[in-house]
N, C-alpha and C. Protein backbone atom coordinates (compact mmCIF):
# COMPACT_ATOMS: atom_id res chain seq x y z
N UNK A 1 31.71 11.21 41.52
CA UNK A 1 32.12 10.03 40.90
C UNK A 1 31.48 8.92 41.65
N UNK A 2 31.71 9.10 42.85
CA UNK A 2 31.05 8.01 43.74
C UNK A 2 29.47 7.59 43.51
N UNK A 3 28.64 8.62 42.98
CA UNK A 3 27.30 8.47 42.62
C UNK A 3 27.18 7.89 41.21
N UNK A 4 28.09 8.08 40.64
CA UNK A 4 27.95 7.52 39.10
C UNK A 4 28.24 5.75 39.34
N UNK A 5 29.30 5.64 40.31
CA UNK A 5 29.64 4.29 40.86
C UNK A 5 28.56 3.23 41.52
N UNK A 6 27.92 4.20 42.50
CA UNK A 6 26.63 3.46 42.97
C UNK A 6 25.54 3.42 42.04
N UNK A 7 25.21 4.44 41.04
CA UNK A 7 24.12 4.12 39.81
C UNK A 7 24.59 2.84 39.21
N UNK A 8 25.66 2.64 38.51
CA UNK A 8 26.13 1.62 37.95
C UNK A 8 25.96 0.34 38.68
N UNK A 9 26.48 0.40 39.95
CA UNK A 9 26.15 -0.80 40.99
C UNK A 9 24.73 -1.36 41.10
N UNK A 10 23.87 -0.31 41.05
CA UNK A 10 22.36 -0.49 41.20
C UNK A 10 21.93 -1.57 39.95
N UNK A 11 22.39 -0.71 38.84
CA UNK A 11 21.98 -1.16 37.62
C UNK A 11 22.37 -2.93 37.56
N UNK A 12 23.57 -3.03 37.84
CA UNK A 12 24.23 -4.47 37.73
C UNK A 12 23.65 -5.49 38.65
N UNK A 13 23.58 -5.08 40.03
CA UNK A 13 22.93 -6.01 41.08
C UNK A 13 21.73 -6.89 40.58
N UNK A 14 20.84 -6.25 39.81
CA UNK A 14 19.63 -7.38 39.48
C UNK A 14 20.15 -8.04 38.34
N UNK A 15 21.13 -7.92 37.69
CA UNK A 15 21.07 -8.54 36.27
C UNK A 15 21.83 -9.90 36.48
N UNK A 16 21.19 -10.88 35.64
CA UNK A 16 21.72 -12.27 35.84
C UNK A 16 23.02 -12.33 35.77
N UNK A 17 23.79 -13.46 35.98
CA UNK A 17 25.19 -13.68 35.66
C UNK A 17 25.65 -13.95 34.15
N UNK A 18 24.60 -14.27 33.29
CA UNK A 18 24.85 -14.16 31.84
C UNK A 18 25.36 -12.79 31.40
N UNK A 19 24.38 -12.00 31.76
CA UNK A 19 24.66 -10.50 31.41
C UNK A 19 25.91 -9.95 32.07
N UNK A 20 25.98 -10.21 33.07
CA UNK A 20 27.33 -9.82 33.81
C UNK A 20 28.60 -10.42 32.91
N UNK A 21 28.76 -11.50 32.57
CA UNK A 21 29.64 -12.07 31.73
C UNK A 21 29.78 -11.53 30.51
N UNK A 22 28.57 -10.88 29.78
CA UNK A 22 28.64 -10.12 28.58
C UNK A 22 29.25 -8.86 28.82
N UNK A 23 28.74 -8.14 29.97
CA UNK A 23 29.46 -6.72 30.18
C UNK A 23 30.80 -6.99 30.12
N UNK A 24 31.36 -8.05 30.78
CA UNK A 24 32.82 -8.40 31.12
C UNK A 24 33.43 -8.22 30.00
N UNK A 25 32.78 -9.06 29.08
CA UNK A 25 33.58 -9.49 27.78
C UNK A 25 33.61 -7.98 26.83
N UNK A 26 32.90 -7.05 27.11
CA UNK A 26 32.92 -5.90 26.63
C UNK A 26 33.16 -4.66 27.26
N UNK A 27 33.95 -5.18 28.28
CA UNK A 27 34.40 -3.95 29.41
C UNK A 27 35.04 -2.77 28.83
N UNK A 28 35.84 -3.15 27.57
CA UNK A 28 36.71 -1.97 26.97
C UNK A 28 35.82 -0.66 26.61
N UNK A 29 34.39 -1.10 26.44
CA UNK A 29 33.49 0.11 25.92
C UNK A 29 32.87 0.65 27.09
N UNK A 30 33.16 0.05 28.44
CA UNK A 30 32.48 1.03 29.87
C UNK A 30 33.49 2.16 30.04
N UNK A 31 32.73 3.03 30.74
CA UNK A 31 33.68 4.12 31.48
C UNK A 31 34.27 3.42 32.73
N UNK A 32 35.14 4.24 33.19
CA UNK A 32 35.96 4.00 34.26
C UNK A 32 34.71 3.34 35.59
N UNK A 33 34.23 4.34 35.68
CA UNK A 33 33.17 3.82 37.02
C UNK A 33 32.27 2.86 36.54
N UNK A 34 31.97 2.76 35.37
CA UNK A 34 31.00 1.33 34.89
C UNK A 34 31.70 -0.04 35.26
N UNK A 35 33.06 0.03 34.86
CA UNK A 35 33.82 -0.85 34.84
C UNK A 35 34.24 -1.15 36.40
N UNK A 36 34.53 -0.48 37.25
CA UNK A 36 34.92 -0.56 38.63
C UNK A 36 33.71 -1.13 39.19
N UNK A 37 32.55 -0.61 39.01
CA UNK A 37 31.30 -1.26 39.65
C UNK A 37 31.01 -2.60 39.14
N UNK A 38 31.18 -2.93 37.78
CA UNK A 38 31.04 -4.43 37.22
C UNK A 38 32.08 -5.14 37.78
N UNK A 39 33.38 -4.74 38.32
CA UNK A 39 34.24 -5.71 38.67
C UNK A 39 34.10 -6.03 40.44
N UNK A 40 33.34 -4.81 40.93
CA UNK A 40 32.61 -5.00 42.59
C UNK A 40 31.83 -6.02 42.31
N UNK A 41 30.76 -5.88 41.69
CA UNK A 41 29.61 -6.88 41.49
C UNK A 41 30.20 -8.30 41.31
N UNK A 42 31.06 -8.39 40.54
CA UNK A 42 31.73 -9.73 40.18
C UNK A 42 32.24 -10.01 41.39
N UNK A 43 33.10 -9.51 42.14
CA UNK A 43 33.82 -9.88 43.23
C UNK A 43 32.63 -10.17 44.60
N UNK A 44 31.74 -9.58 44.49
CA UNK A 44 30.73 -9.65 45.52
C UNK A 44 29.79 -10.75 45.44
N UNK A 45 29.50 -11.13 43.99
CA UNK A 45 29.19 -12.65 43.65
C UNK A 45 30.06 -13.62 43.83
N UNK A 46 31.31 -13.46 43.62
CA UNK A 46 32.28 -14.50 43.88
C UNK A 46 32.36 -15.36 42.53
N UNK A 47 32.15 -14.62 41.49
CA UNK A 47 32.22 -15.51 40.05
C UNK A 47 34.03 -15.33 39.39
N UNK A 48 34.26 -16.52 39.04
CA UNK A 48 35.32 -16.78 38.76
C UNK A 48 35.51 -16.22 37.21
N UNK A 49 36.77 -16.19 36.78
CA UNK A 49 36.97 -15.86 35.45
C UNK A 49 36.41 -16.93 34.32
N UNK A 50 36.83 -18.26 35.04
CA UNK A 50 36.48 -19.44 34.07
C UNK A 50 34.86 -19.67 34.04
N UNK A 51 34.22 -19.19 34.98
CA UNK A 51 33.05 -19.36 35.01
C UNK A 51 32.10 -18.37 34.39
N UNK A 52 32.63 -17.31 34.58
CA UNK A 52 32.28 -16.11 33.46
C UNK A 52 32.57 -16.39 32.17
N UNK A 53 33.49 -17.06 31.62
CA UNK A 53 33.91 -17.13 30.23
C UNK A 53 32.74 -18.33 29.77
N UNK A 54 32.50 -19.33 30.82
CA UNK A 54 31.55 -20.24 30.23
C UNK A 54 30.46 -19.74 30.05
N UNK A 55 29.81 -18.77 30.84
CA UNK A 55 28.56 -18.23 30.70
C UNK A 55 28.36 -17.52 29.52
N UNK A 56 29.45 -16.59 29.13
CA UNK A 56 29.49 -15.78 28.00
C UNK A 56 29.57 -16.75 26.64
N UNK A 57 30.25 -17.78 26.75
CA UNK A 57 30.38 -18.68 25.54
C UNK A 57 28.94 -19.37 25.36
N UNK A 58 28.18 -19.64 26.49
CA UNK A 58 26.75 -20.21 26.27
C UNK A 58 25.87 -19.32 25.86
N UNK A 59 26.19 -17.75 26.43
CA UNK A 59 25.35 -16.76 25.67
C UNK A 59 25.32 -16.49 24.34
N UNK A 60 26.61 -16.44 23.82
CA UNK A 60 26.93 -16.53 22.30
C UNK A 60 26.30 -17.48 21.59
N UNK A 61 26.20 -18.90 22.31
CA UNK A 61 25.76 -19.82 21.66
C UNK A 61 24.24 -19.86 21.29
N UNK A 62 23.72 -19.26 22.55
CA UNK A 62 22.42 -19.22 22.49
C UNK A 62 21.64 -18.04 21.33
N UNK A 63 22.48 -16.82 21.48
CA UNK A 63 22.08 -15.91 20.54
C UNK A 63 22.37 -16.29 19.23
N UNK A 64 23.37 -17.19 18.61
CA UNK A 64 23.34 -17.64 17.56
C UNK A 64 22.28 -18.68 17.22
N UNK A 65 21.91 -19.33 17.91
CA UNK A 65 20.79 -20.31 17.83
C UNK A 65 19.40 -19.50 17.72
N UNK A 66 19.27 -18.54 18.45
CA UNK A 66 17.96 -17.76 18.34
C UNK A 66 18.23 -17.05 17.13
N UNK A 67 19.40 -16.67 16.34
CA UNK A 67 19.43 -16.03 15.06
C UNK A 67 19.03 -16.95 14.00
N UNK A 68 19.58 -18.18 14.22
CA UNK A 68 18.96 -19.23 13.02
C UNK A 68 17.83 -19.44 12.93
N UNK A 69 17.12 -19.91 14.26
CA UNK A 69 15.70 -19.96 14.45
C UNK A 69 14.92 -18.79 13.55
N UNK A 70 15.41 -17.68 14.25
CA UNK A 70 14.45 -16.14 13.66
C UNK A 70 14.53 -16.00 12.21
N UNK A 71 16.07 -16.61 11.68
CA UNK A 71 16.08 -16.77 10.25
C UNK A 71 15.24 -17.67 9.56
N UNK A 72 15.11 -18.96 9.83
CA UNK A 72 14.32 -19.99 9.53
C UNK A 72 12.76 -19.44 9.64
N UNK A 73 12.49 -18.79 10.68
CA UNK A 73 11.17 -18.39 10.79
C UNK A 73 10.55 -17.26 9.81
N UNK A 74 11.42 -16.35 9.63
CA UNK A 74 11.45 -15.59 8.59
C UNK A 74 11.26 -16.08 7.20
N UNK A 75 11.93 -16.94 7.01
CA UNK A 75 11.81 -17.46 5.26
C UNK A 75 10.65 -18.46 5.32
N UNK A 76 10.14 -19.14 6.59
CA UNK A 76 8.77 -19.85 6.45
C UNK A 76 7.81 -18.86 6.20
N UNK A 77 7.87 -17.75 6.77
CA UNK A 77 6.85 -16.75 6.63
C UNK A 77 6.96 -16.18 5.13
N UNK A 78 7.96 -16.19 4.74
CA UNK A 78 8.03 -15.42 3.18
C UNK A 78 7.17 -16.62 2.41
N UNK A 79 7.52 -17.88 2.52
CA UNK A 79 7.53 -18.89 1.42
C UNK A 79 5.68 -18.92 1.77
N UNK A 80 5.62 -18.79 3.06
CA UNK A 80 3.78 -19.08 3.32
C UNK A 80 2.90 -17.84 2.50
N UNK A 81 3.52 -17.06 2.27
CA UNK A 81 2.90 -15.90 1.47
C UNK A 81 2.66 -16.23 0.19
N UNK A 82 3.56 -17.09 -0.70
CA UNK A 82 3.36 -17.26 -1.91
C UNK A 82 1.94 -17.76 -2.29
N UNK A 83 1.51 -17.49 -3.59
CA UNK A 83 0.22 -17.95 -3.96
C UNK A 83 0.08 -19.54 -3.94
N UNK A 84 -0.84 -20.12 -3.57
CA UNK A 84 -0.73 -21.68 -3.49
C UNK A 84 -1.78 -22.32 -4.77
N UNK A 85 -2.86 -21.52 -5.00
CA UNK A 85 -3.48 -22.04 -6.05
C UNK A 85 -3.17 -21.53 -7.70
N UNK A 86 -3.85 -22.14 -8.46
CA UNK A 86 -3.75 -21.38 -9.98
C UNK A 86 -4.44 -20.18 -9.74
N UNK A 87 -5.74 -20.01 -9.05
CA UNK A 87 -6.68 -18.93 -8.90
C UNK A 87 -5.57 -17.57 -8.33
N UNK A 88 -4.93 -18.25 -7.31
CA UNK A 88 -4.06 -17.34 -6.26
C UNK A 88 -3.12 -16.59 -7.15
N UNK A 89 -2.15 -17.35 -8.00
CA UNK A 89 -1.45 -16.97 -8.91
C UNK A 89 -1.92 -16.18 -10.07
N UNK A 90 -3.20 -16.25 -10.85
CA UNK A 90 -3.58 -15.50 -11.60
C UNK A 90 -3.93 -13.95 -10.95
N UNK A 91 -4.43 -14.01 -9.81
CA UNK A 91 -4.40 -12.53 -9.23
C UNK A 91 -3.29 -11.95 -8.84
N UNK A 92 -2.23 -12.70 -8.25
CA UNK A 92 -0.82 -11.98 -8.00
C UNK A 92 -0.50 -11.66 -9.23
N UNK A 93 -0.07 -12.17 -10.66
CA UNK A 93 -0.04 -11.65 -11.70
C UNK A 93 -0.55 -10.31 -12.02
N UNK A 94 -2.01 -10.66 -12.15
CA UNK A 94 -2.70 -9.52 -12.66
C UNK A 94 -2.52 -8.25 -11.55
N UNK A 95 -2.33 -8.31 -10.27
CA UNK A 95 -2.13 -7.12 -9.37
C UNK A 95 -0.74 -6.76 -9.91
N UNK A 96 0.32 -7.52 -10.36
CA UNK A 96 1.63 -7.11 -10.43
C UNK A 96 1.60 -6.40 -11.66
N UNK A 97 1.02 -6.77 -12.85
CA UNK A 97 0.68 -5.95 -14.01
C UNK A 97 -0.16 -4.63 -13.84
N UNK A 98 -0.92 -4.77 -12.93
CA UNK A 98 -1.53 -3.20 -12.68
C UNK A 98 -0.71 -2.44 -12.04
N UNK A 99 -0.03 -3.03 -11.00
CA UNK A 99 1.11 -1.93 -10.52
C UNK A 99 2.32 -1.38 -11.74
N UNK A 100 2.54 -2.17 -12.43
CA UNK A 100 3.45 -1.94 -13.54
C UNK A 100 2.84 -0.72 -14.10
N UNK A 101 1.33 -0.79 -14.60
CA UNK A 101 0.61 0.01 -15.45
C UNK A 101 0.37 1.33 -14.82
N UNK A 102 0.05 1.09 -13.55
CA UNK A 102 0.04 2.46 -12.70
C UNK A 102 1.30 3.10 -12.84
N UNK A 103 2.30 2.54 -12.14
CA UNK A 103 3.56 3.13 -12.32
C UNK A 103 4.10 3.86 -13.45
N UNK A 104 3.83 3.18 -14.61
CA UNK A 104 3.99 3.77 -15.98
C UNK A 104 3.31 5.02 -16.31
N UNK A 105 2.07 4.87 -15.81
CA UNK A 105 1.11 5.99 -16.06
C UNK A 105 1.38 7.41 -15.24
N UNK A 106 1.66 7.18 -14.15
CA UNK A 106 2.10 8.04 -13.10
C UNK A 106 3.67 8.70 -13.80
N UNK A 107 4.51 7.93 -14.01
CA UNK A 107 5.94 8.46 -14.61
C UNK A 107 5.59 9.38 -15.90
N UNK A 108 4.68 9.20 -16.90
CA UNK A 108 4.40 9.61 -17.86
C UNK A 108 3.83 11.41 -17.63
N UNK A 109 3.09 11.19 -16.45
CA UNK A 109 2.19 12.50 -16.09
C UNK A 109 3.36 13.35 -15.70
N UNK A 110 4.29 13.10 -15.05
CA UNK A 110 5.25 14.28 -14.80
C UNK A 110 5.96 14.63 -16.01
């Protein structure tokens, strides 16, 4: 058991306070040894419950902001792929029709 505790302690030692706060918020999913090592690391760093709660809240806000930005980036990429000129639209429509014809041809062969 002691070796598992020390393994977790080594894992937690280099983590930034924000990650320690996230782990604490999800401590119910940790094993007894992991939770014990986490609490020991928190005590060694002198982190308070209030400070950890603020860090976790801040991290959640950053994650939400990152998710929103990533979603906007994906939407922008999707719109950037649309044909822009009449010629591009014509090629896109012809490619779509060709795909339909190929699909129909392949389904009739079976």
